[in-house]
Amino acid sequence: MKKAIKILTIILTIVLVGMVGFLGIYVQKQNRMENIVKDYDYAMDLKGARIIAIKPEEDKETIIKDAQGNEIEEDLTDEEIQEKGYTKEEVDKNAEKLTLENFKKTKEIMIKRLEQLELNDYNIALDEQTGEIKIEIEENNSTNSIISDLYTTGNFEISDSETEEVLLDNQYIKEAKIGYISETNGTSVCLQIELNSEGKAKLEEITNTYKTIEESEESEESEEENTTEGTSETSETSEESKQKEITMKINDQTIMTTSFDEPIRTGTLQLTVGSASSDVKTINEYSEKALSYATILNNGKLPMDYEISGNEFIYSEITNQKILYVMLGIAVISALALIYLIIKYKLHGLLASFSFIGFASILLLLIRYANVAISLGTVFAGVIALAVDYLILIKILKKKEKSEFVTFFFKTIPITICSIIFCFMDWIPIASFGMTLFWGVILMLVYNYLVTAPLLSILEEKNREDMKNEKNK
């Protein structure tokens, strides 16, 4: 009786897990039923992608040339140009920058930005003749901001606010990262710009030169000047002692105009992004903005300005109907295979079928919570995992020796090694194939050791006890 209860408990647990894995858990939220189980994340080959075309920005100017090809600096009308036999042509100011080296450098910088934004599912192609770059990325809530971060030039400048002399720029940046500061009224998000050794020295010099002038010091200087030099020299000193300030710009946008209380010797600039807040949503928004700045500053400045020449969403050729047909096909084949087990092995086959369903449902949950992007590779790896699990069930049902059973487990080691290698591939269909296969193999070994084998052993023991009781009668 106890063994029957154990078997029933395991079966009910498998059924419950199966319902969660295949159907989900629904709770009522705001007058609607919502599935609280994490949804699947689909890769571009199944859900479609955003295709962005980016090309060097055109900056045209008109040049007038004489018959010998010399450039004429005079501002002439069309009639005057014609009378003098001159020619007029439109040229691109950026013509000297339109080189293959700059095109390749731009592509490399964009790839680095995509990697820092932790975007793995993308394709990028360069037209080496025109410099146009086509990028294919997945569509989500961050797509527009990612596109903006990609083709933004990434200028960083600290300049004199009056003369506009550039004092510090991109070449002195070592690393930019996000920082958080706890304050009484909440958490502040800041962008920390760490400079290299040369930049550290320049920053100390700048912050010392553009140091805030204290009012008390200025008044003392004025009094001393009045006593010794006279009124005319005092006015000159007043002009000289006028507060000098710097202007900091990122992407030609002024971040701040300020002076410094004291020299900065650490080589790190700390810029607050937004105001302190205790609202999680607001903090996340500031963090995204800071990450955007960090991504642009960390990976170099684009050699020229770019503009978007195309932006469209392309649906996948694999429609939902096709996916449904594939899923139904897998379900039908699995059902037929399980019916074969039940017919051949009777009650043992029935329990093994329940075990198979439990394995499939847990695998689906693992795929969801392991953040595996569902692609054709995922489906293929899932089919392999189910097929191998079915073979393990047959091994168990045939009651092979324990040594042979362990040997079969060891045969999965090459599959596990291959799946780990695939996990580190840059191409998402292969990476998702590797991750699905990896989790499938691990789950297969653990699940069958902890659930399937004990379940069938309990049934076998129960059958032996029933036969013994019948003999005693």
Protein backbone atom coordinates (compact mmCIF):
# COMPACT_ATOMS: atom_id res chain seq x y z
CA MET A 1 0.00 0.00 0.00
CA LYS A 2 2.82 2.40 0.88
CA LYS A 3 4.55 1.70 -2.40
CA ALA A 4 1.35 2.35 -4.33
CA ILE A 5 0.99 5.70 -2.53
CA LYS A 6 4.61 6.60 -3.43
CA ILE A 7 3.97 5.78 -7.08
CA LEU A 8 0.74 7.80 -7.08
CA THR A 9 2.50 10.76 -5.40
CA ILE A 10 5.28 10.79 -8.01
CA ILE A 11 2.76 10.56 -10.86
CA LEU A 12 0.64 13.41 -9.47
CA THR A 13 3.79 15.53 -9.05
CA ILE A 14 4.75 14.84 -12.66
CA VAL A 15 1.25 15.75 -13.83
CA LEU A 16 1.37 19.02 -11.84
CA VAL A 17 4.81 19.94 -13.23
CA GLY A 18 3.59 19.00 -16.71
CA MET A 19 0.64 21.38 -16.41
CA VAL A 20 2.96 24.20 -15.35
CA GLY A 21 5.50 23.45 -18.09
CA PHE A 22 3.00 23.09 -20.94
CA LEU A 23 0.19 25.43 -19.82
CA GLY A 24 1.63 27.78 -17.18
CA ILE A 25 0.16 29.24 -14.00
CA TYR A 26 -2.60 31.81 -14.39
CA VAL A 27 -3.59 34.34 -11.73
CA GLN A 28 -6.06 37.19 -11.85
CA LYS A 29 -4.54 40.65 -12.33
CA GLN A 30 -6.71 43.72 -12.93
CA ASN A 31 -9.75 41.77 -14.15
CA ARG A 32 -7.74 39.53 -16.43
CA MET A 33 -5.96 36.21 -16.15
CA GLU A 34 -2.20 36.47 -16.56
CA ASN A 35 0.39 33.71 -16.87
CA ILE A 36 3.05 34.29 -14.19
CA VAL A 37 5.39 31.69 -15.70
CA LYS A 38 8.15 33.40 -17.70
CA ASP A 39 7.40 33.59 -21.42
CA TYR A 40 9.71 32.26 -24.13
CA ASP A 41 12.29 34.57 -25.68
CA TYR A 42 12.32 34.10 -29.46
CA ALA A 43 15.38 34.69 -31.62
CA MET A 44 15.37 36.73 -34.83
CA ASP A 45 14.99 33.72 -37.12
CA LEU A 46 11.56 33.07 -35.60
CA LYS A 47 10.17 36.47 -34.60
CA GLY A 48 11.71 38.75 -37.23
CA ALA A 49 14.20 41.60 -36.88
CA ARG A 50 14.81 45.33 -37.30
CA ILE A 51 17.01 46.12 -40.29
CA ILE A 52 18.89 49.43 -40.05
CA ALA A 53 21.01 50.91 -42.82
CA ILE A 54 23.55 53.55 -41.78
CA LYS A 55 25.65 55.55 -44.24
CA PRO A 56 28.23 58.36 -43.99
CA GLU A 57 26.47 61.68 -43.59
CA GLU A 58 26.60 63.90 -46.67
CA ASP A 59 27.91 67.41 -46.11
CA LYS A 60 27.91 69.11 -49.52
CA GLU A 61 29.55 72.39 -50.47
CA THR A 62 29.70 74.27 -53.78
CA ILE A 63 33.13 74.79 -55.36
CA ILE A 64 33.81 77.11 -58.34
CA LYS A 65 36.75 76.27 -60.61
CA ASP A 66 38.32 78.03 -63.58
CA ALA A 67 39.28 76.39 -66.87
CA GLN A 68 42.58 75.15 -65.39
CA GLY A 69 40.83 73.51 -62.46
CA ASN A 70 41.92 76.09 -59.90
CA GLU A 71 39.46 76.81 -57.10
CA ILE A 72 37.90 80.30 -57.15
CA GLU A 73 37.26 81.86 -53.73
CA GLU A 74 34.95 84.65 -55.01
CA ASP A 75 31.23 84.48 -54.35
CA LEU A 76 29.80 84.63 -57.92
CA THR A 77 26.30 84.34 -59.34
CA ASP A 78 25.42 81.69 -61.90
CA GLU A 79 25.49 84.31 -64.68
CA GLU A 80 28.98 85.50 -63.70
CA ILE A 81 30.24 81.92 -63.55
CA GLN A 82 28.91 81.29 -67.05
CA GLU A 83 30.34 84.54 -68.44
CA LYS A 84 33.84 83.78 -67.12
CA GLY A 85 33.77 80.19 -68.29
CA TYR A 86 34.00 78.79 -64.78
CA THR A 87 32.43 75.55 -63.61
CA LYS A 88 30.47 74.85 -60.46
CA GLU A 89 30.28 71.48 -58.73
CA GLU A 90 28.96 69.96 -55.53
CA VAL A 91 31.56 68.13 -53.45
CA ASP A 92 31.40 66.24 -50.16
CA LYS A 93 33.35 67.88 -47.33
CA ASN A 94 33.95 64.43 -45.87
CA ALA A 95 35.43 63.02 -49.10
CA GLU A 96 38.87 62.57 -47.51
CA LYS A 97 37.36 60.52 -44.67
CA LEU A 98 35.55 58.11 -47.00
CA THR A 99 38.23 55.44 -46.92
CA LEU A 100 38.05 51.67 -46.50
CA GLU A 101 40.11 51.96 -43.31
CA ASN A 102 37.55 54.32 -41.75
CA PHE A 103 34.65 52.13 -42.91
CA LYS A 104 36.18 49.06 -41.22
CA LYS A 105 37.01 51.04 -38.08
CA THR A 106 33.39 52.19 -37.87
CA LYS A 107 32.14 48.62 -38.14
CA GLU A 108 34.51 47.48 -35.37
CA ILE A 109 33.36 50.29 -33.06
CA MET A 110 29.70 49.43 -33.69
CA ILE A 111 30.34 45.76 -32.90
CA LYS A 112 32.03 46.77 -29.62
CA ARG A 113 29.05 48.96 -28.73
CA LEU A 114 26.64 46.10 -29.43
CA GLU A 115 28.69 43.78 -27.23
CA GLN A 116 28.79 46.26 -24.33
CA LEU A 117 25.02 46.62 -24.61
CA GLU A 118 24.96 42.79 -24.22
CA LEU A 119 23.17 42.33 -27.53
CA ASN A 120 24.21 38.93 -28.89
CA ASP A 121 21.57 38.31 -31.53
CA TYR A 122 22.65 40.57 -34.39
CA ASN A 123 24.10 40.56 -37.90
CA ILE A 124 26.23 43.37 -39.31
CA ALA A 125 27.47 43.83 -42.88
CA LEU A 126 29.65 46.53 -44.47
CA ASP A 127 29.52 47.75 -48.06
CA GLU A 128 33.23 48.46 -48.60
CA GLN A 129 32.52 50.66 -51.62
CA THR A 130 30.03 53.13 -50.14
CA GLY A 131 30.67 52.66 -46.40
CA GLU A 132 27.02 51.81 -45.78
CA ILE A 133 26.51 49.44 -42.85
CA LYS A 134 23.45 47.23 -42.48
CA ILE A 135 22.63 45.96 -39.01
CA GLU A 136 20.04 43.35 -38.15
CA ILE A 137 18.95 43.30 -34.49
CA GLU A 138 16.06 41.88 -32.53
CA GLU A 139 13.01 44.03 -31.87
CA ASN A 140 12.30 44.98 -28.25
CA ASN A 141 11.64 48.01 -26.04
CA SER A 142 15.30 49.10 -26.22
CA THR A 143 15.75 48.84 -30.00
CA ASN A 144 15.39 52.56 -30.76
CA SER A 145 17.88 53.61 -28.07
CA ILE A 146 20.33 50.90 -29.24
CA ILE A 147 20.13 52.25 -32.81
CA SER A 148 20.82 55.76 -31.53
CA ASP A 149 23.87 54.55 -29.58
CA LEU A 150 25.21 52.76 -32.65
CA TYR A 151 25.58 55.63 -35.11
CA THR A 152 26.19 58.45 -32.64
CA THR A 153 29.66 59.85 -33.34
CA GLY A 154 30.67 59.85 -29.67
CA ASN A 155 32.44 63.21 -29.28
CA PHE A 156 33.68 63.98 -25.77
CA GLU A 157 35.12 67.42 -25.10
CA ILE A 158 36.07 69.63 -22.20
CA SER A 159 36.67 73.13 -23.49
CA ASP A 160 37.08 76.70 -22.28
CA SER A 161 33.56 78.13 -22.05
CA GLU A 162 34.68 81.46 -23.56
CA THR A 163 37.40 80.66 -26.10
CA GLU A 164 36.04 77.17 -26.88
CA GLU A 165 39.60 75.83 -26.83
CA VAL A 166 39.44 72.03 -26.47
CA LEU A 167 41.27 71.01 -23.29
CA LEU A 168 40.41 67.31 -23.10
CA ASP A 169 38.82 64.87 -25.55
CA ASN A 170 38.18 61.15 -26.32
CA GLN A 171 41.84 60.14 -26.60
CA TYR A 172 42.32 60.59 -22.85
CA ILE A 173 39.46 58.30 -21.76
CA LYS A 174 40.46 54.98 -20.20
CA GLU A 175 37.03 53.70 -19.12
CA ALA A 176 33.51 54.97 -18.47
CA LYS A 177 31.16 53.09 -16.17
CA ILE A 178 27.99 53.45 -14.13
CA GLY A 179 28.11 54.22 -10.42
CA TYR A 180 25.49 54.51 -7.69
CA ILE A 181 25.53 56.79 -4.65
CA SER A 182 23.19 56.31 -1.68
CA GLU A 183 21.81 59.59 -0.36
CA THR A 184 19.24 60.56 2.24
CA ASN A 185 16.57 61.20 -0.41
CA GLY A 186 17.29 58.12 -2.52
CA THR A 187 19.91 56.76 -4.92
CA SER A 188 21.85 58.83 -7.44
CA VAL A 189 23.08 57.37 -10.72
CA CYS A 190 26.39 58.72 -11.96
CA LEU A 191 28.68 58.29 -14.93
CA GLN A 192 32.27 57.76 -13.84
CA ILE A 193 34.84 58.70 -16.52
CA GLU A 194 38.27 57.36 -15.66
CA LEU A 195 41.13 58.94 -17.62
CA ASN A 196 44.46 57.42 -18.67
CA SER A 197 47.76 58.56 -17.14
CA GLU A 198 48.15 61.47 -19.56
CA GLY A 199 44.52 62.47 -19.11
CA LYS A 200 44.91 62.31 -15.31
CA ALA A 201 47.71 64.88 -15.45
CA LYS A 202 45.75 67.14 -17.83
CA LEU A 203 42.64 66.93 -15.64
CA GLU A 204 44.60 68.01 -12.58
CA GLU A 205 46.03 70.93 -14.55
CA ILE A 206 42.57 71.93 -15.89
CA THR A 207 40.84 71.70 -12.51
CA ASN A 208 43.60 73.77 -10.95
CA THR A 209 43.42 76.42 -13.68
CA TYR A 210 39.62 76.59 -13.62
CA LYS A 211 39.38 76.63 -9.85
CA THR A 212 36.47 78.49 -8.25
CA ILE A 213 37.47 81.96 -7.03
CA GLU A 214 36.33 82.53 -3.46
CA GLU A 215 34.53 85.85 -2.86
CA SER A 216 36.56 86.59 0.25
CA GLU A 217 39.86 86.10 -1.58
CA GLU A 218 38.66 88.28 -4.46
CA SER A 219 37.61 91.10 -2.13
CA GLU A 220 40.94 90.97 -0.28
CA GLU A 221 42.80 91.18 -3.58
CA SER A 222 40.65 94.14 -4.61
CA GLU A 223 41.35 96.02 -1.35
CA GLU A 224 45.08 95.41 -1.65
CA GLU A 225 45.04 96.58 -5.26
CA ASN A 226 43.15 99.77 -4.25
CA THR A 227 45.76 100.57 -1.61
CA THR A 228 48.87 100.11 -3.71
CA GLU A 229 48.08 100.43 -7.40
CA GLY A 230 45.17 102.78 -7.83
CA THR A 231 41.75 102.64 -9.41
CA SER A 232 42.70 101.96 -13.04
CA GLU A 233 44.80 98.88 -12.23
CA THR A 234 42.07 97.56 -9.91
CA SER A 235 39.60 97.41 -12.76
CA GLU A 236 42.12 95.48 -14.86
CA THR A 237 42.69 93.01 -12.01
CA SER A 238 38.93 92.62 -11.62
CA GLU A 239 38.68 91.59 -15.25
CA GLU A 240 41.56 89.16 -14.91
CA SER A 241 40.04 87.60 -11.79
CA LYS A 242 36.73 86.91 -13.52
CA GLN A 243 35.67 83.28 -12.96
CA LYS A 244 37.01 80.94 -15.65
CA GLU A 245 34.76 77.97 -16.48
CA ILE A 246 34.88 74.86 -18.62
CA THR A 247 32.12 73.39 -20.78
CA MET A 248 31.74 69.63 -20.99
CA LYS A 249 30.05 68.15 -24.06
CA ILE A 250 29.08 64.62 -25.03
CA ASN A 251 27.85 64.17 -28.60
CA ASP A 252 27.90 67.96 -29.04
CA GLN A 253 25.37 68.25 -26.22
CA THR A 254 26.39 70.46 -23.30
CA ILE A 255 26.39 68.41 -20.10
CA MET A 256 27.61 71.14 -17.78
CA THR A 257 29.39 74.48 -17.55
CA THR A 258 31.31 74.75 -14.32
CA SER A 259 34.45 75.55 -12.37
CA PHE A 260 36.09 73.33 -9.75
CA ASP A 261 36.25 73.71 -5.99
CA GLU A 262 39.62 71.98 -5.85
CA PRO A 263 42.00 70.14 -8.21
CA ILE A 264 40.99 66.58 -9.14
CA ARG A 265 44.01 64.31 -8.68
CA THR A 266 42.27 60.93 -8.95
CA GLY A 267 41.90 61.14 -12.72
CA THR A 268 38.17 60.37 -12.49
CA LEU A 269 35.25 62.62 -13.42
CA GLN A 270 31.94 61.79 -11.78
CA LEU A 271 28.82 63.13 -13.50
CA THR A 272 25.42 62.75 -11.89
CA VAL A 273 22.74 61.51 -14.30
CA GLY A 274 19.36 62.82 -13.18
CA SER A 275 18.51 63.54 -9.56
CA ALA A 276 18.49 61.25 -6.54
CA SER A 277 15.39 59.05 -6.44
CA SER A 278 13.91 56.13 -4.52
CA ASP A 279 11.66 55.09 -7.42
CA VAL A 280 13.02 51.92 -9.07
CA LYS A 281 11.64 52.82 -12.50
CA THR A 282 13.26 56.27 -12.42
CA ILE A 283 16.60 54.84 -11.28
CA ASN A 284 16.47 52.29 -14.13
CA GLU A 285 15.82 55.08 -16.65
CA TYR A 286 18.82 57.04 -15.37
CA SER A 287 20.91 53.84 -15.45
CA GLU A 288 19.99 53.25 -19.10
CA LYS A 289 21.00 56.82 -19.94
CA ALA A 290 24.32 56.40 -18.10
CA LEU A 291 24.90 53.06 -19.86
CA SER A 292 24.29 54.79 -23.18
CA TYR A 293 26.97 57.39 -22.41
CA ALA A 294 29.39 54.71 -21.14
CA THR A 295 28.87 52.56 -24.24
CA ILE A 296 29.62 55.47 -26.56
CA LEU A 297 32.68 56.71 -24.64
CA ASN A 298 34.24 53.29 -23.99
CA ASN A 299 34.46 52.09 -27.57
CA GLY A 300 35.95 54.99 -29.44
CA LYS A 301 34.75 57.88 -31.56
CA LEU A 302 33.43 57.18 -35.04
CA PRO A 303 35.79 58.58 -37.70
CA MET A 304 32.92 60.48 -39.35
CA ASP A 305 29.28 61.41 -38.86
CA TYR A 306 26.67 58.86 -39.93
CA GLU A 307 22.97 59.04 -40.73
CA ILE A 308 20.20 56.47 -41.04
CA SER A 309 19.35 55.61 -44.64
CA GLY A 310 16.92 52.77 -43.89
CA ASN A 311 14.93 51.49 -40.93
CA GLU A 312 12.37 48.69 -41.24
CA PHE A 313 11.07 45.60 -39.48
CA ILE A 314 11.27 42.35 -41.44
CA TYR A 315 9.00 39.50 -40.39
CA SER A 316 10.42 35.99 -40.19
CA GLU A 317 9.72 33.63 -43.08
CA ILE A 318 8.87 31.02 -40.46
CA THR A 319 5.28 31.89 -39.57
CA ASN A 320 3.41 30.94 -36.40
CA GLN A 321 1.43 28.43 -38.46
CA LYS A 322 4.61 26.65 -39.54
CA ILE A 323 5.86 26.56 -35.94
CA LEU A 324 2.51 25.11 -34.86
CA TYR A 325 2.79 22.36 -37.49
CA VAL A 326 6.29 21.48 -36.24
CA MET A 327 5.12 21.35 -32.62
CA LEU A 328 2.14 19.17 -33.56
CA GLY A 329 4.46 16.88 -35.50
CA ILE A 330 6.77 16.47 -32.49
CA ALA A 331 3.76 15.88 -30.22
CA VAL A 332 2.28 13.22 -32.52
CA ILE A 333 5.60 11.36 -32.89
CA SER A 334 6.14 11.50 -29.10
CA ALA A 335 2.61 10.20 -28.45
CA LEU A 336 3.10 7.27 -30.84
CA ALA A 337 6.45 6.43 -29.20
CA LEU A 338 4.87 6.46 -25.73
CA ILE A 339 1.97 4.29 -26.91
CA TYR A 340 4.57 1.79 -28.14
CA LEU A 341 6.13 1.75 -24.64
CA ILE A 342 2.75 1.16 -23.00
CA ILE A 343 1.85 -1.66 -25.39
CA LYS A 344 5.22 -3.41 -25.04
CA TYR A 345 5.97 -2.87 -21.34
CA LYS A 346 2.43 -2.53 -19.92
CA LEU A 347 2.35 -0.74 -16.55
CA HIS A 348 6.12 -0.16 -16.60
CA GLY A 349 5.71 1.51 -19.98
CA LEU A 350 2.87 3.68 -18.64
CA LEU A 351 5.03 4.93 -15.75
CA ALA A 352 7.92 5.52 -18.15
CA SER A 353 5.55 7.57 -20.34
CA PHE A 354 4.61 9.74 -17.36
CA SER A 355 8.32 10.17 -16.66
CA PHE A 356 8.93 11.25 -20.27
CA ILE A 357 6.19 13.89 -20.04
CA GLY A 358 7.69 15.19 -16.78
CA PHE A 359 11.12 15.45 -18.40
CA ALA A 360 9.73 17.37 -21.38
CA SER A 361 7.84 19.84 -19.17
CA ILE A 362 10.84 20.55 -16.92
CA LEU A 363 13.01 21.04 -20.03
CA LEU A 364 10.56 23.66 -21.26
CA LEU A 365 10.75 25.48 -17.93
CA LEU A 366 14.56 25.33 -17.98
CA ILE A 367 14.63 26.84 -21.45
CA ARG A 368 12.46 29.72 -20.23
CA TYR A 369 14.37 30.53 -17.05
CA ALA A 370 17.85 29.88 -18.47
CA ASN A 371 17.16 32.76 -20.93
CA VAL A 372 17.62 30.56 -23.98
CA ALA A 373 16.53 32.37 -27.15
CA ILE A 374 14.14 30.08 -29.03
CA SER A 375 15.44 29.48 -32.54
CA LEU A 376 15.48 26.63 -35.03
CA GLY A 377 18.61 25.43 -33.22
CA THR A 378 16.67 25.29 -29.95
CA VAL A 379 13.93 23.17 -31.52
CA PHE A 380 16.48 20.81 -33.05
CA ALA A 381 18.37 20.43 -29.74
CA GLY A 382 15.10 19.83 -27.90
CA VAL A 383 14.20 17.03 -30.31
CA ILE A 384 17.64 15.44 -29.74
CA ALA A 385 17.22 15.67 -25.94
CA LEU A 386 13.77 14.03 -26.11
CA ALA A 387 15.07 11.27 -28.38
CA VAL A 388 18.03 10.48 -26.10
CA ASP A 389 15.77 10.50 -23.05
CA TYR A 390 13.48 8.02 -24.81
CA LEU A 391 16.47 5.72 -25.41
CA ILE A 392 17.37 5.92 -21.71
CA LEU A 393 13.80 4.90 -20.82
CA ILE A 394 14.10 1.86 -23.05
CA LYS A 395 17.41 0.97 -21.35
CA ILE A 396 15.75 1.18 -17.94
CA LEU A 397 12.71 -0.82 -19.09
CA LYS A 398 14.88 -3.57 -20.48
CA LYS A 399 16.41 -3.93 -16.99
CA LYS A 400 19.99 -3.88 -18.15
CA GLU A 401 22.81 -4.42 -15.67
CA LYS A 402 23.75 -1.40 -13.62
CA SER A 403 27.24 -1.29 -15.14
CA GLU A 404 25.76 -1.07 -18.65
CA PHE A 405 23.36 1.61 -17.52
CA VAL A 406 26.23 3.71 -16.08
CA THR A 407 28.20 3.14 -19.30
CA PHE A 408 25.28 4.57 -21.26
CA PHE A 409 25.40 7.68 -19.09
CA PHE A 410 29.12 8.07 -19.78
CA LYS A 411 28.34 8.03 -23.50
CA THR A 412 26.61 11.39 -23.05
CA ILE A 413 29.89 13.10 -22.04
CA PRO A 414 30.93 13.93 -25.66
CA ILE A 415 27.48 15.44 -26.26
CA THR A 416 27.85 17.55 -23.12
CA ILE A 417 31.30 18.81 -24.16
CA CYS A 418 30.04 19.73 -27.65
CA SER A 419 27.04 21.55 -26.21
CA ILE A 420 29.29 23.63 -23.92
CA ILE A 421 31.46 24.61 -26.90
CA PHE A 422 28.37 25.61 -28.89
CA CYS A 423 27.18 27.79 -25.99
CA PHE A 424 30.09 30.19 -26.56
CA MET A 425 29.43 30.64 -30.27
CA ASP A 426 28.50 34.18 -31.38
CA TRP A 427 25.78 33.01 -33.75
CA ILE A 428 22.53 32.76 -31.77
CA PRO A 429 21.03 29.68 -33.54
CA ILE A 430 24.17 27.67 -32.68
CA ALA A 431 24.47 29.14 -29.17
CA SER A 432 20.82 28.38 -28.41
CA PHE A 433 21.30 24.86 -29.79
CA GLY A 434 24.25 24.36 -27.43
CA MET A 435 22.47 25.77 -24.37
CA THR A 436 19.34 23.70 -24.96
CA LEU A 437 21.36 20.53 -25.50
CA PHE A 438 23.48 21.23 -22.42
CA TRP A 439 20.49 21.70 -20.13
CA GLY A 440 18.77 18.73 -21.78
CA VAL A 441 21.70 16.37 -21.06
CA ILE A 442 22.12 17.56 -17.45
CA LEU A 443 18.40 17.32 -16.79
CA MET A 444 18.25 13.93 -18.49
CA LEU A 445 20.87 12.38 -16.20
CA VAL A 446 19.62 13.97 -12.97
CA TYR A 447 15.92 13.46 -13.67
CA ASN A 448 16.17 9.81 -14.69
CA TYR A 449 18.43 9.04 -11.74
CA LEU A 450 16.15 10.76 -9.20
CA VAL A 451 12.70 10.12 -10.71
CA THR A 452 12.47 7.50 -13.47
CA ALA A 453 14.70 4.76 -12.01
CA PRO A 454 13.21 5.02 -8.47
CA LEU A 455 9.66 5.10 -9.89
CA LEU A 456 10.14 1.87 -11.85
CA SER A 457 12.06 0.30 -8.94
CA ILE A 458 9.16 0.95 -6.57
CA LEU A 459 6.79 -0.68 -9.07
CA GLU A 460 9.11 -3.67 -9.42
CA GLU A 461 9.33 -4.08 -5.65
CA LYS A 462 5.57 -3.83 -5.36
CA ASN A 463 5.11 -6.52 -7.99
CA ARG A 464 7.54 -8.80 -6.17
CA GLU A 465 5.73 -8.23 -2.87
CA ASP A 466 2.36 -8.94 -4.51
CA MET A 467 3.68 -12.19 -5.98
CA LYS A 468 5.15 -13.19 -2.62
CA ASN A 469 1.85 -12.48 -0.85
CA GLU A 470 -0.05 -14.57 -3.42
CA LYS A 471 2.33 -17.49 -2.87
CA ASN A 472 1.91 -17.25 0.90
CA LYS A 473 -1.82 -17.43 0.45
